[in-house]
N, C-alpha and C. Protein backbone atom coordinates (compact mmCIF):
# COMPACT_ATOMS: atom_id res chain seq x y z
N MET A 1 -37.44 42.93 66.04
CA MET A 1 -38.13 42.85 64.76
C MET A 1 -39.53 43.45 64.90
N SER A 2 -39.97 44.21 63.91
CA SER A 2 -41.28 44.85 63.93
C SER A 2 -42.37 43.86 63.57
N THR A 3 -43.53 44.06 64.20
CA THR A 3 -44.69 43.26 63.83
C THR A 3 -45.31 43.87 62.58
N PRO A 4 -46.15 43.13 61.82
CA PRO A 4 -46.81 43.72 60.65
C PRO A 4 -47.62 44.96 61.02
N HIS A 5 -48.25 44.95 62.21
CA HIS A 5 -49.05 46.10 62.63
C HIS A 5 -48.15 47.33 62.83
N GLU A 6 -46.98 47.13 63.43
CA GLU A 6 -46.06 48.25 63.64
C GLU A 6 -45.53 48.78 62.31
N VAL A 7 -45.25 47.89 61.38
CA VAL A 7 -44.78 48.32 60.07
C VAL A 7 -45.87 49.13 59.37
N ALA A 8 -47.11 48.62 59.40
CA ALA A 8 -48.22 49.33 58.77
C ALA A 8 -48.44 50.69 59.41
N ALA A 9 -48.31 50.76 60.73
CA ALA A 9 -48.54 52.01 61.44
C ALA A 9 -47.48 53.05 61.11
N SER A 10 -46.27 52.62 60.75
CA SER A 10 -45.20 53.56 60.48
C SER A 10 -45.09 53.93 59.00
N THR A 11 -45.90 53.34 58.13
CA THR A 11 -45.84 53.61 56.71
C THR A 11 -46.43 54.99 56.41
N ALA A 12 -45.72 55.75 55.61
CA ALA A 12 -46.23 57.04 55.17
C ALA A 12 -47.47 56.83 54.30
N THR A 13 -48.33 57.82 54.24
CA THR A 13 -49.53 57.71 53.43
C THR A 13 -49.53 58.76 52.33
N VAL A 14 -50.32 58.48 51.31
CA VAL A 14 -50.53 59.38 50.19
C VAL A 14 -52.01 59.31 49.81
N PRO A 15 -52.53 60.35 49.15
CA PRO A 15 -53.91 60.23 48.67
C PRO A 15 -53.96 59.30 47.46
N CYS A 16 -54.93 58.42 47.45
CA CYS A 16 -55.12 57.53 46.30
C CYS A 16 -55.44 58.38 45.07
N THR A 17 -54.88 58.01 43.94
CA THR A 17 -55.12 58.72 42.69
C THR A 17 -56.56 58.58 42.21
N GLY A 18 -57.27 57.56 42.71
CA GLY A 18 -58.65 57.35 42.29
C GLY A 18 -59.67 57.92 43.24
N CYS A 19 -59.65 57.46 44.50
CA CYS A 19 -60.69 57.84 45.45
C CYS A 19 -60.28 58.96 46.40
N GLY A 20 -58.99 59.26 46.45
CA GLY A 20 -58.51 60.32 47.32
C GLY A 20 -58.27 59.92 48.76
N ALA A 21 -58.58 58.69 49.13
CA ALA A 21 -58.37 58.22 50.50
C ALA A 21 -56.88 58.20 50.83
N GLN A 22 -56.56 58.43 52.08
CA GLN A 22 -55.17 58.30 52.52
C GLN A 22 -54.85 56.81 52.63
N VAL A 23 -53.86 56.39 51.87
CA VAL A 23 -53.48 54.97 51.81
C VAL A 23 -51.97 54.85 51.96
N PRO A 24 -51.48 53.66 52.30
CA PRO A 24 -50.03 53.50 52.43
C PRO A 24 -49.29 53.88 51.15
N ASP A 25 -48.19 54.55 51.32
CA ASP A 25 -47.33 54.92 50.20
C ASP A 25 -46.38 53.75 49.94
N VAL A 26 -46.84 52.81 49.14
CA VAL A 26 -46.08 51.60 48.88
C VAL A 26 -45.95 51.39 47.38
N ASP A 27 -44.94 50.62 47.01
CA ASP A 27 -44.83 50.14 45.64
C ASP A 27 -45.59 48.83 45.56
N GLY A 28 -46.16 48.58 44.43
CA GLY A 28 -46.86 47.31 44.29
C GLY A 28 -47.77 47.32 43.09
N PRO A 29 -48.48 46.23 42.89
CA PRO A 29 -49.36 46.13 41.73
C PRO A 29 -50.58 47.02 41.87
N THR A 30 -51.16 47.32 40.75
CA THR A 30 -52.44 48.02 40.70
C THR A 30 -53.31 47.29 39.68
N HIS A 31 -54.54 47.70 39.60
CA HIS A 31 -55.47 47.12 38.62
C HIS A 31 -55.08 47.57 37.22
N ALA A 32 -55.40 46.77 36.23
CA ALA A 32 -55.02 47.06 34.85
C ALA A 32 -55.61 48.37 34.33
N TYR A 33 -56.83 48.72 34.74
CA TYR A 33 -57.41 49.96 34.20
C TYR A 33 -58.16 50.81 35.23
N LEU A 34 -58.33 50.34 36.44
CA LEU A 34 -58.88 51.21 37.48
C LEU A 34 -57.78 52.16 37.93
N SER A 35 -58.13 53.40 38.14
CA SER A 35 -57.15 54.39 38.57
C SER A 35 -57.02 54.32 40.09
N ALA A 36 -56.04 53.59 40.58
CA ALA A 36 -55.85 53.42 42.02
C ALA A 36 -54.36 53.37 42.34
N SER A 37 -54.02 53.92 43.48
CA SER A 37 -52.64 53.84 43.96
C SER A 37 -52.38 52.43 44.48
N PRO A 38 -51.12 51.99 44.46
CA PRO A 38 -50.80 50.64 44.95
C PRO A 38 -51.29 50.40 46.39
N GLY A 39 -51.18 51.39 47.26
CA GLY A 39 -51.64 51.22 48.64
C GLY A 39 -53.14 51.04 48.74
N CYS A 40 -53.88 51.70 47.86
CA CYS A 40 -55.34 51.56 47.86
C CYS A 40 -55.73 50.18 47.31
N TRP A 41 -55.07 49.76 46.26
CA TRP A 41 -55.33 48.44 45.69
C TRP A 41 -55.03 47.35 46.72
N GLN A 42 -53.96 47.56 47.48
CA GLN A 42 -53.60 46.62 48.55
C GLN A 42 -54.70 46.59 49.62
N ARG A 43 -55.15 47.77 50.05
CA ARG A 43 -56.22 47.84 51.05
C ARG A 43 -57.48 47.14 50.53
N TYR A 44 -57.81 47.40 49.27
CA TYR A 44 -59.01 46.77 48.71
C TYR A 44 -58.88 45.24 48.73
N GLY A 45 -57.72 44.73 48.38
CA GLY A 45 -57.53 43.28 48.42
C GLY A 45 -57.76 42.72 49.81
N GLU A 46 -57.31 43.43 50.82
CA GLU A 46 -57.50 42.99 52.21
C GLU A 46 -58.98 43.07 52.61
N VAL A 47 -59.66 44.14 52.19
CA VAL A 47 -61.08 44.28 52.50
C VAL A 47 -61.89 43.21 51.78
N ALA A 48 -61.60 42.99 50.51
CA ALA A 48 -62.33 41.98 49.75
C ALA A 48 -62.17 40.60 50.38
N THR A 49 -60.95 40.26 50.76
CA THR A 49 -60.69 38.98 51.40
C THR A 49 -61.50 38.86 52.69
N SER A 50 -61.50 39.92 53.48
CA SER A 50 -62.22 39.93 54.75
C SER A 50 -63.72 39.77 54.54
N LEU A 51 -64.28 40.55 53.62
CA LEU A 51 -65.72 40.50 53.39
C LEU A 51 -66.15 39.16 52.78
N LEU A 52 -65.37 38.64 51.87
CA LEU A 52 -65.72 37.36 51.27
C LEU A 52 -65.63 36.21 52.26
N ALA A 53 -64.73 36.35 53.21
CA ALA A 53 -64.53 35.27 54.19
C ALA A 53 -65.56 35.30 55.32
N GLY A 54 -66.08 36.48 55.65
CA GLY A 54 -66.89 36.50 56.85
C GLY A 54 -68.15 37.33 56.85
N ALA A 55 -68.57 37.86 55.73
CA ALA A 55 -69.70 38.78 55.74
C ALA A 55 -71.05 38.09 55.58
N GLY A 56 -71.07 36.81 55.40
CA GLY A 56 -72.34 36.12 55.19
C GLY A 56 -72.96 36.55 53.87
N ASP A 57 -74.26 36.46 53.77
CA ASP A 57 -74.96 36.81 52.54
C ASP A 57 -75.43 38.25 52.61
N THR A 58 -74.48 39.19 52.63
CA THR A 58 -74.81 40.60 52.78
C THR A 58 -74.48 41.37 51.51
N ALA A 59 -75.04 42.56 51.39
CA ALA A 59 -74.72 43.42 50.24
C ALA A 59 -73.24 43.76 50.22
N ALA A 60 -72.65 43.99 51.39
CA ALA A 60 -71.23 44.31 51.44
C ALA A 60 -70.39 43.17 50.88
N ARG A 61 -70.80 41.95 51.15
CA ARG A 61 -70.04 40.79 50.66
C ARG A 61 -70.09 40.70 49.14
N TRP A 62 -71.27 40.91 48.59
CA TRP A 62 -71.45 40.70 47.16
C TRP A 62 -71.09 41.92 46.31
N CYS A 63 -71.14 43.13 46.87
CA CYS A 63 -71.06 44.33 46.04
C CYS A 63 -69.89 45.27 46.35
N HIS A 64 -68.92 44.82 47.14
CA HIS A 64 -67.75 45.66 47.42
C HIS A 64 -67.02 46.00 46.14
N VAL A 65 -66.99 45.10 45.18
CA VAL A 65 -66.32 45.34 43.91
C VAL A 65 -66.98 46.50 43.16
N ASP A 66 -68.29 46.64 43.28
CA ASP A 66 -69.00 47.73 42.61
C ASP A 66 -68.61 49.07 43.21
N CYS A 67 -68.51 49.11 44.52
CA CYS A 67 -68.10 50.35 45.19
C CYS A 67 -66.69 50.75 44.77
N TYR A 68 -65.79 49.81 44.84
CA TYR A 68 -64.39 50.11 44.55
C TYR A 68 -64.23 50.58 43.10
N ALA A 69 -64.83 49.87 42.16
CA ALA A 69 -64.69 50.22 40.75
C ALA A 69 -65.30 51.60 40.47
N ALA A 70 -66.44 51.89 41.05
CA ALA A 70 -67.09 53.19 40.81
C ALA A 70 -66.30 54.34 41.42
N GLN A 71 -65.54 54.08 42.47
CA GLN A 71 -64.73 55.13 43.08
C GLN A 71 -63.36 55.29 42.42
N HIS A 72 -63.05 54.47 41.44
CA HIS A 72 -61.76 54.52 40.76
C HIS A 72 -61.97 54.55 39.24
N PRO A 73 -62.71 55.57 38.74
CA PRO A 73 -63.12 55.58 37.33
C PRO A 73 -62.13 56.23 36.38
N GLY A 74 -60.96 56.60 36.83
CA GLY A 74 -60.01 57.34 36.01
C GLY A 74 -59.76 56.71 34.64
N GLY A 75 -59.70 57.54 33.64
CA GLY A 75 -59.39 57.08 32.30
C GLY A 75 -60.57 56.62 31.48
N ALA A 76 -61.77 56.67 32.05
CA ALA A 76 -62.94 56.13 31.34
C ALA A 76 -63.23 56.87 30.04
N GLU A 77 -62.87 58.16 29.97
CA GLU A 77 -63.14 58.89 28.73
C GLU A 77 -62.29 58.38 27.57
N HIS A 78 -61.20 57.67 27.88
CA HIS A 78 -60.30 57.17 26.83
C HIS A 78 -60.23 55.65 26.76
N ASP A 79 -60.88 54.94 27.66
CA ASP A 79 -60.71 53.49 27.75
C ASP A 79 -62.08 52.81 27.80
N ARG A 80 -62.40 52.06 26.75
CA ARG A 80 -63.69 51.38 26.67
C ARG A 80 -63.92 50.44 27.85
N ARG A 81 -62.86 49.73 28.28
CA ARG A 81 -63.02 48.81 29.42
C ARG A 81 -63.42 49.57 30.67
N GLN A 82 -62.86 50.75 30.85
CA GLN A 82 -63.17 51.53 32.03
C GLN A 82 -64.58 52.11 31.96
N ARG A 83 -65.01 52.55 30.78
CA ARG A 83 -66.40 53.02 30.63
C ARG A 83 -67.36 51.89 30.98
N GLN A 84 -67.06 50.69 30.47
CA GLN A 84 -67.90 49.53 30.76
C GLN A 84 -67.89 49.24 32.26
N SER A 85 -66.72 49.30 32.87
CA SER A 85 -66.60 49.02 34.30
C SER A 85 -67.48 49.97 35.11
N VAL A 86 -67.36 51.26 34.84
CA VAL A 86 -68.16 52.25 35.57
C VAL A 86 -69.64 51.96 35.37
N ALA A 87 -70.05 51.76 34.13
CA ALA A 87 -71.47 51.53 33.83
C ALA A 87 -72.00 50.27 34.50
N VAL A 88 -71.28 49.19 34.36
CA VAL A 88 -71.73 47.91 34.93
C VAL A 88 -71.80 47.99 36.46
N HIS A 89 -70.78 48.54 37.09
CA HIS A 89 -70.77 48.58 38.54
C HIS A 89 -71.79 49.56 39.10
N LEU A 90 -72.02 50.68 38.42
CA LEU A 90 -73.08 51.59 38.87
C LEU A 90 -74.45 50.97 38.67
N THR A 91 -74.62 50.24 37.58
CA THR A 91 -75.90 49.56 37.36
C THR A 91 -76.14 48.51 38.45
N ALA A 92 -75.10 47.80 38.82
CA ALA A 92 -75.23 46.83 39.91
C ALA A 92 -75.64 47.52 41.21
N LEU A 93 -74.99 48.66 41.52
CA LEU A 93 -75.37 49.40 42.74
C LEU A 93 -76.81 49.88 42.66
N CYS A 94 -77.24 50.34 41.49
CA CYS A 94 -78.62 50.79 41.31
C CYS A 94 -79.60 49.64 41.53
N LEU A 95 -79.29 48.47 40.98
CA LEU A 95 -80.17 47.31 41.19
C LEU A 95 -80.33 47.02 42.67
N LEU A 96 -79.25 47.15 43.39
CA LEU A 96 -79.26 46.87 44.83
C LEU A 96 -79.96 47.99 45.62
N VAL A 97 -79.51 49.21 45.44
CA VAL A 97 -79.95 50.34 46.26
C VAL A 97 -81.33 50.84 45.85
N HIS A 98 -81.54 51.02 44.56
CA HIS A 98 -82.77 51.65 44.08
C HIS A 98 -83.90 50.64 43.82
N HIS A 99 -83.54 49.46 43.31
CA HIS A 99 -84.55 48.47 42.94
C HIS A 99 -84.73 47.36 43.97
N GLY A 100 -83.86 47.31 44.97
CA GLY A 100 -84.00 46.31 46.02
C GLY A 100 -83.74 44.88 45.59
N VAL A 101 -82.99 44.70 44.52
CA VAL A 101 -82.65 43.35 44.07
C VAL A 101 -81.70 42.74 45.09
N PRO A 102 -81.93 41.51 45.52
CA PRO A 102 -81.03 40.88 46.50
C PRO A 102 -79.58 40.87 45.99
N ALA A 103 -78.67 41.09 46.91
CA ALA A 103 -77.25 41.24 46.55
C ALA A 103 -76.69 40.04 45.79
N ASN A 104 -77.08 38.83 46.18
CA ASN A 104 -76.55 37.66 45.47
C ASN A 104 -77.08 37.60 44.04
N ARG A 105 -78.28 38.10 43.81
CA ARG A 105 -78.82 38.15 42.44
C ARG A 105 -78.11 39.24 41.64
N VAL A 106 -77.81 40.38 42.28
CA VAL A 106 -77.06 41.45 41.61
C VAL A 106 -75.71 40.89 41.13
N ALA A 107 -75.06 40.15 42.00
CA ALA A 107 -73.77 39.57 41.64
C ALA A 107 -73.90 38.65 40.42
N ALA A 108 -74.99 37.89 40.37
CA ALA A 108 -75.21 36.99 39.23
C ALA A 108 -75.52 37.77 37.95
N LEU A 109 -76.25 38.87 38.07
CA LEU A 109 -76.61 39.68 36.91
C LEU A 109 -75.42 40.48 36.38
N ARG A 110 -74.52 40.89 37.26
CA ARG A 110 -73.42 41.78 36.91
C ARG A 110 -72.65 41.30 35.69
N GLY A 111 -72.32 40.04 35.65
CA GLY A 111 -71.51 39.50 34.56
C GLY A 111 -72.19 39.49 33.20
N ARG A 112 -73.50 39.67 33.19
CA ARG A 112 -74.25 39.63 31.93
C ARG A 112 -74.83 40.99 31.54
N LEU A 113 -74.52 42.03 32.28
CA LEU A 113 -75.15 43.32 32.02
C LEU A 113 -74.88 43.85 30.61
N SER A 114 -73.65 43.74 30.15
CA SER A 114 -73.35 44.25 28.80
C SER A 114 -74.13 43.49 27.73
N GLN A 115 -74.27 42.19 27.91
CA GLN A 115 -74.99 41.38 26.93
C GLN A 115 -76.50 41.59 27.00
N THR A 116 -76.99 42.07 28.14
CA THR A 116 -78.44 42.26 28.28
C THR A 116 -78.86 43.70 28.01
N VAL A 117 -78.20 44.63 28.66
CA VAL A 117 -78.63 46.03 28.64
C VAL A 117 -78.37 46.68 27.29
N LEU A 118 -77.18 46.55 26.76
CA LEU A 118 -76.84 47.25 25.52
C LEU A 118 -77.78 46.91 24.38
N PRO A 119 -78.05 45.63 24.10
CA PRO A 119 -79.00 45.33 23.01
C PRO A 119 -80.41 45.84 23.29
N ARG A 120 -80.86 45.74 24.52
CA ARG A 120 -82.22 46.19 24.85
C ARG A 120 -82.38 47.69 24.65
N LEU A 121 -81.29 48.44 24.80
CA LEU A 121 -81.36 49.89 24.63
C LEU A 121 -80.83 50.34 23.27
N GLY A 122 -80.43 49.39 22.43
CA GLY A 122 -79.93 49.73 21.11
C GLY A 122 -78.59 50.45 21.13
N LEU A 123 -77.77 50.15 22.12
CA LEU A 123 -76.46 50.78 22.25
C LEU A 123 -75.37 49.83 21.77
N ALA A 124 -74.35 50.37 21.12
CA ALA A 124 -73.21 49.56 20.69
C ALA A 124 -72.21 49.40 21.83
N ASP A 125 -72.15 50.39 22.71
CA ASP A 125 -71.19 50.36 23.82
C ASP A 125 -71.71 51.29 24.92
N TRP A 126 -71.10 51.17 26.08
CA TRP A 126 -71.48 52.02 27.21
C TRP A 126 -70.95 53.43 26.99
N PRO A 127 -71.78 54.43 27.26
CA PRO A 127 -71.31 55.81 27.13
C PRO A 127 -70.44 56.21 28.32
N TYR A 128 -69.69 57.26 28.14
CA TYR A 128 -68.86 57.82 29.21
C TYR A 128 -69.73 58.62 30.17
N LEU A 129 -69.56 58.36 31.45
CA LEU A 129 -70.21 59.15 32.50
C LEU A 129 -69.13 59.98 33.19
N THR A 130 -69.32 61.27 33.24
CA THR A 130 -68.35 62.13 33.92
C THR A 130 -68.35 61.78 35.41
N PRO A 131 -67.19 61.45 35.96
CA PRO A 131 -67.14 61.08 37.39
C PRO A 131 -67.52 62.25 38.30
N PRO A 132 -68.02 61.93 39.48
CA PRO A 132 -68.33 62.99 40.44
C PRO A 132 -67.04 63.68 40.90
N THR A 133 -67.20 64.90 41.41
CA THR A 133 -66.02 65.63 41.89
C THR A 133 -65.46 65.02 43.17
N THR A 134 -66.31 64.38 43.95
CA THR A 134 -65.86 63.64 45.13
C THR A 134 -66.43 62.22 45.04
N PRO A 135 -65.65 61.23 45.47
CA PRO A 135 -66.06 59.83 45.27
C PRO A 135 -67.08 59.31 46.26
N GLY A 136 -67.42 60.07 47.27
CA GLY A 136 -68.35 59.61 48.30
C GLY A 136 -67.72 59.75 49.67
N THR A 137 -68.56 59.72 50.68
CA THR A 137 -68.10 59.98 52.04
C THR A 137 -67.45 58.77 52.70
N VAL A 138 -67.55 57.61 52.10
CA VAL A 138 -66.92 56.40 52.63
C VAL A 138 -66.09 55.80 51.50
N THR A 139 -64.87 55.41 51.81
CA THR A 139 -64.00 54.76 50.83
C THR A 139 -63.52 53.44 51.40
N VAL A 140 -62.75 52.73 50.60
CA VAL A 140 -62.18 51.46 51.06
C VAL A 140 -61.33 51.68 52.31
N ALA A 141 -60.76 52.87 52.47
CA ALA A 141 -59.93 53.13 53.65
C ALA A 141 -60.74 53.04 54.95
N GLU A 142 -61.96 53.56 54.94
CA GLU A 142 -62.82 53.46 56.13
C GLU A 142 -63.24 52.03 56.39
N VAL A 143 -63.55 51.30 55.34
CA VAL A 143 -63.92 49.89 55.52
C VAL A 143 -62.73 49.12 56.08
N HIS A 144 -61.56 49.39 55.55
CA HIS A 144 -60.35 48.71 56.01
C HIS A 144 -60.06 49.04 57.47
N ALA A 145 -60.27 50.30 57.88
CA ALA A 145 -59.96 50.73 59.24
C ALA A 145 -60.97 50.22 60.26
N ALA A 146 -62.15 49.82 59.80
CA ALA A 146 -63.19 49.35 60.72
C ALA A 146 -62.78 48.04 61.37
N HIS A 147 -63.18 47.89 62.62
CA HIS A 147 -62.98 46.63 63.32
C HIS A 147 -63.71 45.54 62.54
N GLN A 148 -63.18 44.35 62.56
CA GLN A 148 -63.77 43.23 61.81
C GLN A 148 -65.27 43.10 62.06
N ASP A 149 -65.70 43.30 63.32
CA ASP A 149 -67.12 43.17 63.65
C ASP A 149 -67.97 44.27 63.02
N ASP A 150 -67.35 45.38 62.63
CA ASP A 150 -68.07 46.52 62.07
C ASP A 150 -67.93 46.63 60.55
N ARG A 151 -67.13 45.79 59.95
CA ARG A 151 -66.83 45.94 58.52
C ARG A 151 -68.06 45.82 57.64
N VAL A 152 -68.96 44.94 57.96
CA VAL A 152 -70.16 44.79 57.13
C VAL A 152 -70.99 46.07 57.19
N ALA A 153 -71.17 46.63 58.38
CA ALA A 153 -71.96 47.86 58.52
C ALA A 153 -71.30 49.02 57.77
N VAL A 154 -69.98 49.14 57.89
CA VAL A 154 -69.28 50.21 57.17
C VAL A 154 -69.34 49.94 55.66
N GLY A 155 -69.25 48.68 55.28
CA GLY A 155 -69.38 48.30 53.87
C GLY A 155 -70.75 48.66 53.32
N GLU A 156 -71.78 48.49 54.11
CA GLU A 156 -73.14 48.87 53.68
C GLU A 156 -73.24 50.38 53.49
N ARG A 157 -72.61 51.15 54.38
CA ARG A 157 -72.59 52.62 54.23
C ARG A 157 -71.82 53.00 52.98
N TRP A 158 -70.77 52.23 52.67
CA TRP A 158 -69.98 52.48 51.47
C TRP A 158 -70.87 52.40 50.22
N LEU A 159 -71.74 51.40 50.17
CA LEU A 159 -72.64 51.23 49.03
C LEU A 159 -73.48 52.49 48.81
N GLY A 160 -74.09 52.97 49.90
CA GLY A 160 -74.93 54.16 49.79
C GLY A 160 -74.14 55.41 49.43
N ALA A 161 -72.94 55.54 49.98
CA ALA A 161 -72.11 56.72 49.71
C ALA A 161 -71.69 56.77 48.24
N VAL A 162 -71.31 55.63 47.69
CA VAL A 162 -70.89 55.60 46.29
C VAL A 162 -72.07 55.89 45.38
N TRP A 163 -73.21 55.27 45.65
CA TRP A 163 -74.40 55.51 44.84
C TRP A 163 -74.77 56.99 44.89
N SER A 164 -74.75 57.59 46.06
CA SER A 164 -75.08 59.01 46.20
C SER A 164 -74.11 59.90 45.44
N ALA A 165 -72.83 59.55 45.46
CA ALA A 165 -71.82 60.37 44.79
C ALA A 165 -72.09 60.50 43.28
N TRP A 166 -72.67 59.50 42.69
CA TRP A 166 -72.94 59.49 41.26
C TRP A 166 -74.35 60.00 40.93
N SER A 167 -74.95 60.81 41.80
CA SER A 167 -76.34 61.24 41.65
C SER A 167 -76.63 61.96 40.33
N ALA A 168 -75.65 62.63 39.77
CA ALA A 168 -75.87 63.33 38.49
C ALA A 168 -76.25 62.36 37.37
N HIS A 169 -75.94 61.09 37.54
CA HIS A 169 -76.21 60.09 36.50
C HIS A 169 -77.27 59.07 36.90
N HIS A 170 -77.97 59.32 38.00
CA HIS A 170 -78.95 58.34 38.46
C HIS A 170 -80.00 58.02 37.40
N ARG A 171 -80.51 59.01 36.70
CA ARG A 171 -81.57 58.75 35.71
C ARG A 171 -81.06 57.79 34.63
N THR A 172 -79.86 58.03 34.13
CA THR A 172 -79.28 57.16 33.09
C THR A 172 -79.07 55.76 33.63
N VAL A 173 -78.47 55.65 34.81
CA VAL A 173 -78.17 54.34 35.38
C VAL A 173 -79.46 53.60 35.72
N GLN A 174 -80.48 54.31 36.16
CA GLN A 174 -81.76 53.67 36.45
C GLN A 174 -82.38 53.10 35.17
N GLU A 175 -82.19 53.78 34.05
CA GLU A 175 -82.66 53.25 32.77
C GLU A 175 -81.94 51.94 32.44
N TRP A 176 -80.63 51.92 32.69
CA TRP A 176 -79.86 50.69 32.45
C TRP A 176 -80.35 49.57 33.36
N ALA A 177 -80.61 49.91 34.62
CA ALA A 177 -81.09 48.89 35.57
C ALA A 177 -82.45 48.34 35.14
N GLN A 178 -83.32 49.23 34.67
CA GLN A 178 -84.64 48.78 34.16
C GLN A 178 -84.45 47.80 33.01
N ALA A 179 -83.52 48.11 32.12
CA ALA A 179 -83.25 47.21 30.99
C ALA A 179 -82.69 45.89 31.47
N ALA A 180 -81.87 45.93 32.50
CA ALA A 180 -81.31 44.69 33.06
C ALA A 180 -82.39 43.80 33.64
N LEU A 181 -83.44 44.43 34.13
CA LEU A 181 -84.56 43.68 34.71
C LEU A 181 -85.61 43.34 33.66
N GLY A 182 -85.28 43.55 32.42
CA GLY A 182 -86.22 43.22 31.35
C GLY A 182 -87.35 44.21 31.24
N GLY A 183 -87.13 45.43 31.72
CA GLY A 183 -88.15 46.47 31.66
C GLY A 183 -89.09 46.48 32.84
N ARG A 184 -88.89 45.55 33.77
CA ARG A 184 -89.75 45.49 34.97
C ARG A 184 -89.20 46.43 36.03
N GLY A 185 -90.05 47.03 36.82
CA GLY A 185 -89.65 47.92 37.90
C GLY A 185 -89.56 47.23 39.22
């Protein structure tokens, strides 16, 4: 009988439809509106479980969801939920990376961003942001492949890589982050 590691090692891979990472070619569930292959969604679930269980009070623990959502923006031009997802998660990354807001506070603010930012800027809804041509130099696949002792460090690099990938929209997202902070810098 094969061990789970042997089965995983023998699984064929495919590029994820969202982030392009090589992920297991498996059947399975995916997110309702994030554009991700089942193997990538599976990897993300394993990474999220790992980071939540053992990362302590780190940015990787609190903000892995922001990285994953921003790297899987497919359909945002046609789906209001996806436009909101991209905007909220990029704003969370901006608060963390650009404004230095502690990760646990970013996590607390994330759930209220639509109720805070949109009215302050006079917007009815989040606008569509054209996704970058490449999702960043680190994906969930690299975080998943990292040894458990290195996952937090790779997760921290993931944050920076995703934020950098969306550089064409930094000015817009920084405006949203300012509004989230009540106009304070």
